[in-house]
C-alpha atoms as a PDB file:
ATOM      1  CA  UNK A   1      -9.001  -8.322 -26.080  1.00  0.00           C
ATOM      2  CA  UNK A   2      -5.482  -6.578 -27.210  1.00  0.00           C
ATOM      3  CA  UNK A   3      -7.393  -4.474 -29.567  1.00  0.00           C
ATOM      4  CA  UNK A   4      -9.603  -3.330 -27.032  1.00  0.00           C
ATOM      5  CA  UNK A   5      -6.384  -1.964 -24.921  1.00  0.00           C
ATOM      6  CA  UNK A   6      -4.832  -0.540 -27.853  1.00  0.00           C
ATOM      7  CA  UNK A   7      -7.288   2.011 -28.552  1.00  0.00           C
ATOM      8  CA  UNK A   8      -8.295   2.759 -24.898  1.00  0.00           C
ATOM      9  CA  UNK A   9      -4.636   3.625 -24.761  1.00  0.00           C
ATOM     10  CA  UNK A  10      -5.133   5.731 -28.210  1.00  0.00           C
ATOM     11  CA  UNK A  11      -8.406   7.211 -26.662  1.00  0.00           C
ATOM     12  CA  UNK A  12      -6.490   8.929 -23.739  1.00  0.00           C
ATOM     13  CA  UNK A  13      -3.420   9.608 -25.519  1.00  0.00           C
ATOM     14  CA  UNK A  14      -6.337  11.554 -27.358  1.00  0.00           C
ATOM     15  CA  UNK A  15      -7.733  13.082 -24.690  1.00  0.00           C
ATOM     16  CA  UNK A  16      -4.724  14.002 -22.906  1.00  0.00           C
ATOM     17  CA  UNK A  17      -3.136  16.382 -26.111  1.00  0.00           C
ATOM     18  CA  UNK A  18      -6.340  17.669 -27.169  1.00  0.00           C
ATOM     19  CA  UNK A  19      -6.091  16.811 -30.659  1.00  0.00           C
ATOM     20  CA  UNK A  20      -9.735  17.224 -32.947  1.00  0.00           C
ATOM     21  CA  UNK A  21     -11.703  14.139 -32.298  1.00  0.00           C
ATOM     22  CA  UNK A  22     -11.771  13.841 -36.404  1.00  0.00           C
ATOM     23  CA  UNK A  23      -8.683  12.876 -37.322  1.00  0.00           C
ATOM     24  CA  UNK A  24      -7.327  11.095 -40.549  1.00  0.00           C
ATOM     25  CA  UNK A  25      -8.182   7.027 -41.677  1.00  0.00           C
ATOM     26  CA  UNK A  26      -7.198   4.881 -44.117  1.00  0.00           C
ATOM     27  CA  UNK A  27      -6.777   6.058 -47.096  1.00  0.00           C
ATOM     28  CA  UNK A  28      -7.050  10.412 -45.796  1.00  0.00           C
ATOM     29  CA  UNK A  29      -3.535   9.784 -44.801  1.00  0.00           C
ATOM     30  CA  UNK A  30      -2.005  12.214 -47.889  1.00  0.00           C
ATOM     31  CA  UNK A  31       1.664  12.315 -46.353  1.00  0.00           C
ATOM     32  CA  UNK A  32       4.334   9.986 -48.425  1.00  0.00           C
ATOM     33  CA  UNK A  33       5.359   8.660 -45.518  1.00  0.00           C
ATOM     34  CA  UNK A  34       4.751   7.994 -41.515  1.00  0.00           C
ATOM     35  CA  UNK A  35       5.863   6.227 -38.151  1.00  0.00           C
ATOM     36  CA  UNK A  36       4.058   3.558 -37.706  1.00  0.00           C
ATOM     37  CA  UNK A  37       3.167   1.860 -34.206  1.00  0.00           C
ATOM     38  CA  UNK A  38       1.495  -1.769 -34.323  1.00  0.00           C
ATOM     39  CA  UNK A  39      -1.293  -3.051 -33.052  1.00  0.00           C
ATOM     40  CA  UNK A  40       0.221  -4.011 -29.991  1.00  0.00           C
ATOM     41  CA  UNK A  41       1.440  -1.142 -29.180  1.00  0.00           C
ATOM     42  CA  UNK A  42       5.435  -1.924 -31.175  1.00  0.00           C
ATOM     43  CA  UNK A  43       7.045   0.411 -32.674  1.00  0.00           C
ATOM     44  CA  UNK A  44       7.774  -0.896 -36.433  1.00  0.00           C
ATOM     45  CA  UNK A  45       9.603   1.776 -38.050  1.00  0.00           C
ATOM     46  CA  UNK A  46       8.894   5.080 -40.871  1.00  0.00           C
ATOM     47  CA  UNK A  47       7.050   3.306 -43.986  1.00  0.00           C
ATOM     48  CA  UNK A  48       5.580   4.690 -46.795  1.00  0.00           C
ATOM     49  CA  UNK A  49       2.126   5.010 -45.724  1.00  0.00           C
ATOM     50  CA  UNK A  50       0.979   2.318 -49.040  1.00  0.00           C
ATOM     51  CA  UNK A  51       2.787  -0.031 -47.171  1.00  0.00           C
ATOM     52  CA  UNK A  52       1.240   0.669 -43.756  1.00  0.00           C
ATOM     53  CA  UNK A  53      -1.818   0.791 -45.178  1.00  0.00           C
ATOM     54  CA  UNK A  54      -1.595  -2.817 -46.381  1.00  0.00           C
ATOM     55  CA  UNK A  55      -0.374  -3.859 -42.927  1.00  0.00           C
ATOM     56  CA  UNK A  56      -3.525  -2.932 -41.496  1.00  0.00           C
ATOM     57  CA  UNK A  57      -5.806  -4.564 -43.954  1.00  0.00           C
ATOM     58  CA  UNK A  58      -4.338  -7.432 -43.486  1.00  0.00           C
ATOM     59  CA  UNK A  59      -4.835  -7.581 -40.048  1.00  0.00           C
ATOM     60  CA  UNK A  60      -9.010  -6.660 -41.229  1.00  0.00           C
ATOM     61  CA  UNK A  61      -7.863  -3.625 -39.307  1.00  0.00           C
ATOM     62  CA  UNK A  62      -7.164   1.237 -39.740  1.00  0.00           C
ATOM     63  CA  UNK A  63      -4.038   2.673 -39.452  1.00  0.00           C
ATOM     64  CA  UNK A  64      -5.511   5.714 -37.780  1.00  0.00           C
ATOM     65  CA  UNK A  65      -3.451   9.588 -37.793  1.00  0.00           C
ATOM     66  CA  UNK A  66      -3.015  10.131 -33.966  1.00  0.00           C
ATOM     67  CA  UNK A  67       0.156  12.317 -33.701  1.00  0.00           C
ATOM     68  CA  UNK A  68      -0.460  14.489 -37.090  1.00  0.00           C
ATOM     69  CA  UNK A  69       2.295  17.274 -36.607  1.00  0.00           C
ATOM     70  CA  UNK A  70       5.176  15.121 -35.792  1.00  0.00           C
ATOM     71  CA  UNK A  71       7.607  14.839 -38.084  1.00  0.00           C
ATOM     72  CA  UNK A  72       6.622  12.575 -40.095  1.00  0.00           C
ATOM     73  CA  UNK A  73       3.292  12.139 -38.471  1.00  0.00           C
ATOM     74  CA  UNK A  74       2.303   8.974 -35.812  1.00  0.00           C
ATOM     75  CA  UNK A  75      -0.013   6.393 -36.967  1.00  0.00           C
ATOM     76  CA  UNK A  76      -1.538   3.660 -35.806  1.00  0.00           C
ATOM     77  CA  UNK A  77      -2.483   0.311 -36.311  1.00  0.00           C
ATOM     78  CA  UNK A  78      -5.815  -0.528 -34.618  1.00  0.00           C
ATOM     79  CA  UNK A  79      -9.585  -1.119 -34.872  1.00  0.00           C
ATOM     80  CA  UNK A  80     -10.681   2.361 -35.503  1.00  0.00           C
ATOM     81  CA  UNK A  81     -14.877   1.650 -35.562  1.00  0.00           C
ATOM     82  CA  UNK A  82     -13.674   0.609 -31.980  1.00  0.00           C
ATOM     83  CA  UNK A  83     -12.022   3.807 -30.749  1.00  0.00           C
ATOM     84  CA  UNK A  84     -15.157   5.680 -31.644  1.00  0.00           C
ATOM     85  CA  UNK A  85     -17.462   3.614 -29.964  1.00  0.00           C
ATOM     86  CA  UNK A  86     -15.196   4.390 -27.011  1.00  0.00           C
ATOM     87  CA  UNK A  87     -15.149   7.723 -27.660  1.00  0.00           C
ATOM     88  CA  UNK A  88     -18.805   8.628 -28.304  1.00  0.00           C
ATOM     89  CA  UNK A  89     -19.494   6.778 -25.076  1.00  0.00           C
ATOM     90  CA  UNK A  90     -16.450   8.223 -22.987  1.00  0.00           C
ATOM     91  CA  UNK A  91     -18.495  12.116 -24.109  1.00  0.00           C
ATOM     92  CA  UNK A  92     -21.913  10.166 -23.350  1.00  0.00           C
ATOM     93  CA  UNK A  93     -21.122   9.944 -20.165  1.00  0.00           C
ATOM     94  CA  UNK A  94     -18.688  12.996 -19.358  1.00  0.00           C
ATOM     95  CA  UNK A  95     -22.255  15.162 -20.522  1.00  0.00           C
ATOM     96  CA  UNK A  96     -23.952  12.960 -17.692  1.00  0.00           C
ATOM     97  CA  UNK A  97     -21.601  13.709 -14.813  1.00  0.00           C
ATOM     98  CA  UNK A  98     -22.158  17.495 -16.085  1.00  0.00           C
ATOM     99  CA  UNK A  99     -25.847  17.439 -15.782  1.00  0.00           C
ATOM    100  CA  UNK A 100     -25.826  15.560 -12.323  1.00  0.00           C
ATOM    101  CA  UNK A 101     -23.534  16.845 -10.445  1.00  0.00           C
ATOM    102  CA  UNK A 102     -23.165  20.332 -11.968  1.00  0.00           C
ATOM    103  CA  UNK A 103     -24.396  21.900  -8.467  1.00  0.00           C
ATOM    104  CA  UNK A 104     -25.015  19.360  -5.684  1.00  0.00           C
ATOM    105  CA  UNK A 105     -26.263  19.731  -1.599  1.00  0.00           C
ATOM    106  CA  UNK A 106     -25.693  19.278   1.652  1.00  0.00           C
ATOM    107  CA  UNK A 107     -28.264  19.970   4.558  1.00  0.00           C
ATOM    108  CA  UNK A 108     -28.202  19.464   8.477  1.00  0.00           C
ATOM    109  CA  UNK A 109     -29.408  20.974  11.522  1.00  0.00           C
ATOM    110  CA  UNK A 110     -28.098  24.356  13.454  1.00  0.00           C
ATOM    111  CA  UNK A 111     -27.893  21.440  16.315  1.00  0.00           C
ATOM    112  CA  UNK A 112     -25.458  18.461  14.551  1.00  0.00           C
ATOM    113  CA  UNK A 113     -23.495  17.118  17.000  1.00  0.00           C
ATOM    114  CA  UNK A 114     -19.333  16.651  15.945  1.00  0.00           C
ATOM    115  CA  UNK A 115     -19.352  13.265  14.755  1.00  0.00           C
ATOM    116  CA  UNK A 116     -22.536  14.101  12.318  1.00  0.00           C
ATOM    117  CA  UNK A 117     -21.094  17.546  10.933  1.00  0.00           C
ATOM    118  CA  UNK A 118     -17.734  15.185  10.659  1.00  0.00           C
ATOM    119  CA  UNK A 119     -19.190  12.991   8.411  1.00  0.00           C
ATOM    120  CA  UNK A 120     -20.885  16.120   6.799  1.00  0.00           C
ATOM    121  CA  UNK A 121     -16.989  17.783   5.844  1.00  0.00           C
ATOM    122  CA  UNK A 122     -16.140  15.178   4.097  1.00  0.00           C
ATOM    123  CA  UNK A 123     -19.127  14.397   2.134  1.00  0.00           C
ATOM    124  CA  UNK A 124     -19.075  17.928   0.539  1.00  0.00           C
ATOM    125  CA  UNK A 125     -14.935  17.044   0.341  1.00  0.00           C
ATOM    126  CA  UNK A 126     -16.339  13.765  -1.867  1.00  0.00           C
ATOM    127  CA  UNK A 127     -18.446  16.204  -4.086  1.00  0.00           C
ATOM    128  CA  UNK A 128     -15.647  18.724  -4.111  1.00  0.00           C
ATOM    129  CA  UNK A 129     -13.440  16.195  -5.993  1.00  0.00           C
ATOM    130  CA  UNK A 130     -16.184  15.015  -8.324  1.00  0.00           C
ATOM    131  CA  UNK A 131     -15.813  18.615  -9.324  1.00  0.00           C
ATOM    132  CA  UNK A 132     -19.619  19.529  -8.022  1.00  0.00           C
ATOM    133  CA  UNK A 133     -20.144  23.054  -6.504  1.00  0.00           C
ATOM    134  CA  UNK A 134     -21.833  22.317  -3.272  1.00  0.00           C
ATOM    135  CA  UNK A 135     -24.868  24.111  -1.807  1.00  0.00           C
ATOM    136  CA  UNK A 136     -24.222  24.007   2.566  1.00  0.00           C
ATOM    137  CA  UNK A 137     -27.296  24.837   3.791  1.00  0.00           C
ATOM    138  CA  UNK A 138     -28.386  24.867   7.521  1.00  0.00           C
ATOM    139  CA  UNK A 139     -32.518  24.590   7.822  1.00  0.00           C
ATOM    140  CA  UNK A 140     -33.818  25.642  11.327  1.00  0.00           C
ATOM    141  CA  UNK A 141     -37.623  24.378  12.674  1.00  0.00           C
ATOM    142  CA  UNK A 142     -39.655  27.071  15.560  1.00  0.00           C
ATOM    143  CA  UNK A 143     -37.580  28.642  17.493  1.00  0.00           C
ATOM    144  CA  UNK A 144     -34.341  27.635  16.130  1.00  0.00           C
ATOM    145  CA  UNK A 145     -34.665  30.325  13.639  1.00  0.00           C
ATOM    146  CA  UNK A 146     -33.845  32.969  16.890  1.00  0.00           C
ATOM    147  CA  UNK A 147     -30.242  31.357  17.076  1.00  0.00           C
ATOM    148  CA  UNK A 148     -29.364  32.219  13.908  1.00  0.00           C
ATOM    149  CA  UNK A 149     -25.979  32.634  14.985  1.00  0.00           C
ATOM    150  CA  UNK A 150     -25.731  29.416  15.444  1.00  0.00           C
ATOM    151  CA  UNK A 151     -26.115  28.105  12.090  1.00  0.00           C
ATOM    152  CA  UNK A 152     -23.044  30.933  11.634  1.00  0.00           C
ATOM    153  CA  UNK A 153     -20.824  28.907  13.480  1.00  0.00           C
ATOM    154  CA  UNK A 154     -21.308  25.575  11.151  1.00  0.00           C
ATOM    155  CA  UNK A 155     -20.912  27.532   8.208  1.00  0.00           C
ATOM    156  CA  UNK A 156     -17.552  28.770   9.376  1.00  0.00           C
ATOM    157  CA  UNK A 157     -16.786  26.092  11.106  1.00  0.00           C
ATOM    158  CA  UNK A 158     -17.272  24.432   7.700  1.00  0.00           C
ATOM    159  CA  UNK A 159     -15.399  26.947   5.338  1.00  0.00           C
ATOM    160  CA  UNK A 160     -12.214  26.488   7.476  1.00  0.00           C
ATOM    161  CA  UNK A 161     -11.795  22.590   7.479  1.00  0.00           C
ATOM    162  CA  UNK A 162     -12.341  23.033   3.407  1.00  0.00           C
ATOM    163  CA  UNK A 163     -10.236  26.468   2.920  1.00  0.00           C
ATOM    164  CA  UNK A 164      -7.550  24.498   0.638  1.00  0.00           C
ATOM    165  CA  UNK A 165     -10.213  22.349  -1.343  1.00  0.00           C
ATOM    166  CA  UNK A 166     -13.124  24.710  -1.624  1.00  0.00           C
ATOM    167  CA  UNK A 167     -13.548  28.748  -1.890  1.00  0.00           C
ATOM    168  CA  UNK A 168     -16.780  30.265  -1.114  1.00  0.00           C
ATOM    169  CA  UNK A 169     -18.782  31.312  -4.607  1.00  0.00           C
ATOM    170  CA  UNK A 170     -21.635  32.613  -2.198  1.00  0.00           C
ATOM    171  CA  UNK A 171     -21.768  34.690   0.977  1.00  0.00           C
ATOM    172  CA  UNK A 172     -23.995  32.881   3.491  1.00  0.00           C
ATOM    173  CA  UNK A 173     -27.585  33.999   2.749  1.00  0.00           C
ATOM    174  CA  UNK A 174     -30.663  32.950   4.807  1.00  0.00           C
ATOM    175  CA  UNK A 175     -34.108  32.276   2.562  1.00  0.00           C
ATOM    176  CA  UNK A 176     -37.193  30.508   4.360  1.00  0.00           C
ATOM    177  CA  UNK A 177     -35.901  29.327   7.117  1.00  0.00           C
ATOM    178  CA  UNK A 178     -32.645  28.232   5.616  1.00  0.00           C
ATOM    179  CA  UNK A 179     -29.254  29.719   6.411  1.00  0.00           C
ATOM    180  CA  UNK A 180     -26.671  29.183   2.475  1.00  0.00           C
ATOM    181  CA  UNK A 181     -23.245  29.003   1.113  1.00  0.00           C
ATOM    182  CA  UNK A 182     -22.615  28.014  -1.956  1.00  0.00           C
ATOM    183  CA  UNK A 183     -18.282  25.780  -2.391  1.00  0.00           C
ATOM    184  CA  UNK A 184     -16.518  26.001  -5.286  1.00  0.00           C
ATOM    185  CA  UNK A 185     -13.280  23.656  -6.034  1.00  0.00           C
ATOM    186  CA  UNK A 186     -10.590  25.219  -6.484  1.00  0.00           C
ATOM    187  CA  UNK A 187      -9.052  25.046  -9.964  1.00  0.00           C
ATOM    188  CA  UNK A 188      -5.515  24.287  -8.669  1.00  0.00           C
ATOM    189  CA  UNK A 189      -7.522  20.959  -7.070  1.00  0.00           C
ATOM    190  CA  UNK A 190      -9.471  20.696 -10.326  1.00  0.00           C
ATOM    191  CA  UNK A 191      -6.486  20.462 -12.144  1.00  0.00           C
ATOM    192  CA  UNK A 192      -4.857  17.936  -9.434  1.00  0.00           C
ATOM    193  CA  UNK A 193      -7.515  15.186  -9.250  1.00  0.00           C
ATOM    194  CA  UNK A 194      -7.742  15.514 -13.990  1.00  0.00           C
ATOM    195  CA  UNK A 195      -4.418  14.626 -13.454  1.00  0.00           C
ATOM    196  CA  UNK A 196      -5.277  12.065 -11.083  1.00  0.00           C
ATOM    197  CA  UNK A 197      -8.173  10.347 -13.474  1.00  0.00           C
ATOM    198  CA  UNK A 198      -4.968  10.211 -16.461  1.00  0.00           C
ATOM    199  CA  UNK A 199      -3.167   8.433 -14.035  1.00  0.00           C
ATOM    200  CA  UNK A 200      -5.134   6.169 -13.159  1.00  0.00           C
ATOM    201  CA  UNK A 201      -6.239   5.598 -16.639  1.00  0.00           C
ATOM    202  CA  UNK A 202      -2.961   4.578 -17.537  1.00  0.00           C
ATOM    203  CA  UNK A 203      -2.324   2.219 -14.677  1.00  0.00           C
ATOM    204  CA  UNK A 204      -5.713   0.254 -15.631  1.00  0.00           C
ATOM    205  CA  UNK A 205      -4.079  -0.052 -19.382  1.00  0.00           C
ATOM    206  CA  UNK A 206      -1.038  -1.394 -18.059  1.00  0.00           C
ATOM    207  CA  UNK A 207      -2.560  -3.517 -15.851  1.00  0.00           C
ATOM    208  CA  UNK A 208      -4.885  -5.426 -18.287  1.00  0.00           C
ATOM    209  CA  UNK A 209      -1.619  -5.610 -20.572  1.00  0.00           C
ATOM    210  CA  UNK A 210       0.827  -7.116 -18.071  1.00  0.00           C
ATOM    211  CA  UNK A 211      -1.428 -10.252 -17.258  1.00  0.00           C
ATOM    212  CA  UNK A 212      -1.599 -12.918 -14.779  1.00  0.00           C
ATOM    213  CA  UNK A 213       0.757 -12.779 -12.511  1.00  0.00           C
ATOM    214  CA  UNK A 214       3.620 -14.936 -12.503  1.00  0.00           C
ATOM    215  CA  UNK A 215       3.445 -18.423 -11.662  1.00  0.00           C
ATOM    216  CA  UNK A 216       6.445 -20.353 -10.260  1.00  0.00           C
ATOM    217  CA  UNK A 217       7.908 -22.655 -12.778  1.00  0.00           C
ATOM    218  CA  UNK A 218       8.267 -26.326 -12.114  1.00  0.00           C
ATOM    219  CA  UNK A 219       6.464 -25.867  -9.097  1.00  0.00           C
ATOM    220  CA  UNK A 220      10.079 -24.257  -7.682  1.00  0.00           C
ATOM    221  CA  UNK A 221       7.621 -21.613  -5.719  1.00  0.00           C
ATOM    222  CA  UNK A 222       6.244 -24.662  -4.250  1.00  0.00           C
ATOM    223  CA  UNK A 223       9.158 -26.532  -3.067  1.00  0.00           C
ATOM    224  CA  UNK A 224      11.047 -23.290  -1.563  1.00  0.00           C
ATOM    225  CA  UNK A 225       7.491 -22.694   0.721  1.00  0.00           C
ATOM    226  CA  UNK A 226       7.479 -26.897   1.590  1.00  0.00           C
ATOM    227  CA  UNK A 227      11.203 -26.425   2.830  1.00  0.00           C
ATOM    228  CA  UNK A 228      11.403 -23.172   4.625  1.00  0.00           C
ATOM    229  CA  UNK A 229       8.012 -24.842   6.306  1.00  0.00           C
ATOM    230  CA  UNK A 230       9.729 -27.792   7.930  1.00  0.00           C
ATOM    231  CA  UNK A 231      12.638 -25.102   8.821  1.00  0.00           C
ATOM    232  CA  UNK A 232      10.387 -23.187  10.745  1.00  0.00           C
ATOM    233  CA  UNK A 233       9.068 -25.985  12.341  1.00  0.00           C
ATOM    234  CA  UNK A 234      11.182 -28.027  14.751  1.00  0.00           C
ATOM    235  CA  UNK A 235      12.451 -31.251  14.522  1.00  0.00           C
ATOM    236  CA  UNK A 236      10.624 -34.376  16.548  1.00  0.00           C
ATOM    237  CA  UNK A 237      14.622 -35.233  18.140  1.00  0.00           C
ATOM    238  CA  UNK A 238      14.448 -31.769  19.261  1.00  0.00           C
ATOM    239  CA  UNK A 239      11.140 -31.473  20.411  1.00  0.00           C
ATOM    240  CA  UNK A 240      12.231 -34.720  23.087  1.00  0.00           C
ATOM    241  CA  UNK A 241      15.453 -33.681  23.672  1.00  0.00           C
ATOM    242  CA  UNK A 242      14.156 -30.256  25.228  1.00  0.00           C
ATOM    243  CA  UNK A 243      11.555 -32.513  27.017  1.00  0.00           C
ATOM    244  CA  UNK A 244      13.688 -34.923  28.720  1.00  0.00           C
ATOM    245  CA  UNK A 245      15.795 -30.960  29.949  1.00  0.00           C
ATOM    246  CA  UNK A 246      13.383 -29.919  31.454  1.00  0.00           C
ATOM    247  CA  UNK A 247      11.980 -33.262  32.938  1.00  0.00           C
END
């Protein structure tokens, strides 16, 4: 479990500073000395590369150079195979997400109610938060097509509600009874969401390292709770005295 956590930490670090996915491992590290971080995250200090490699082998792990530009370079002792697996999985998931959410569509009728329109705006906001472009369409049926100005008002209302989160990439256009616009997330919002994802990943790693909640030692916590319950409840003598006064 510790090795999985450390591999995830290094993966997040490499993604944050945009280090190439191919980096030196074990005998490929040719510098004479390195700064070593152990499998449990402790800094072991600067030592010869041969000594660090011996320490990694004694633990059946690998020595991975994670910061080659530092002086001396920083290496971590971890399971390199597990790190490669996590990196490949992250790349596959990223490509799958980009393929599935590149352009999404939200449709509604021109006579939509205000409550339903608010729900549509909320859905559009969620798609924009995921980094997707959103095609917003108002579709007309029958004689509704003669009231295109109502659909235009609905689209303008949506653009106004999302003006701080999206920009209109495509102006309103009418095709086959559909009045459509295309919204794209603002770059600043996309960068903020990326930072939030990094912070969420760091928080998950910290939570995994934190372990379970602290347990009161020698049952002192339960005793204190019992004492508080006893103090919060009036004694029988006090109750009897109170009843006598009322009598």
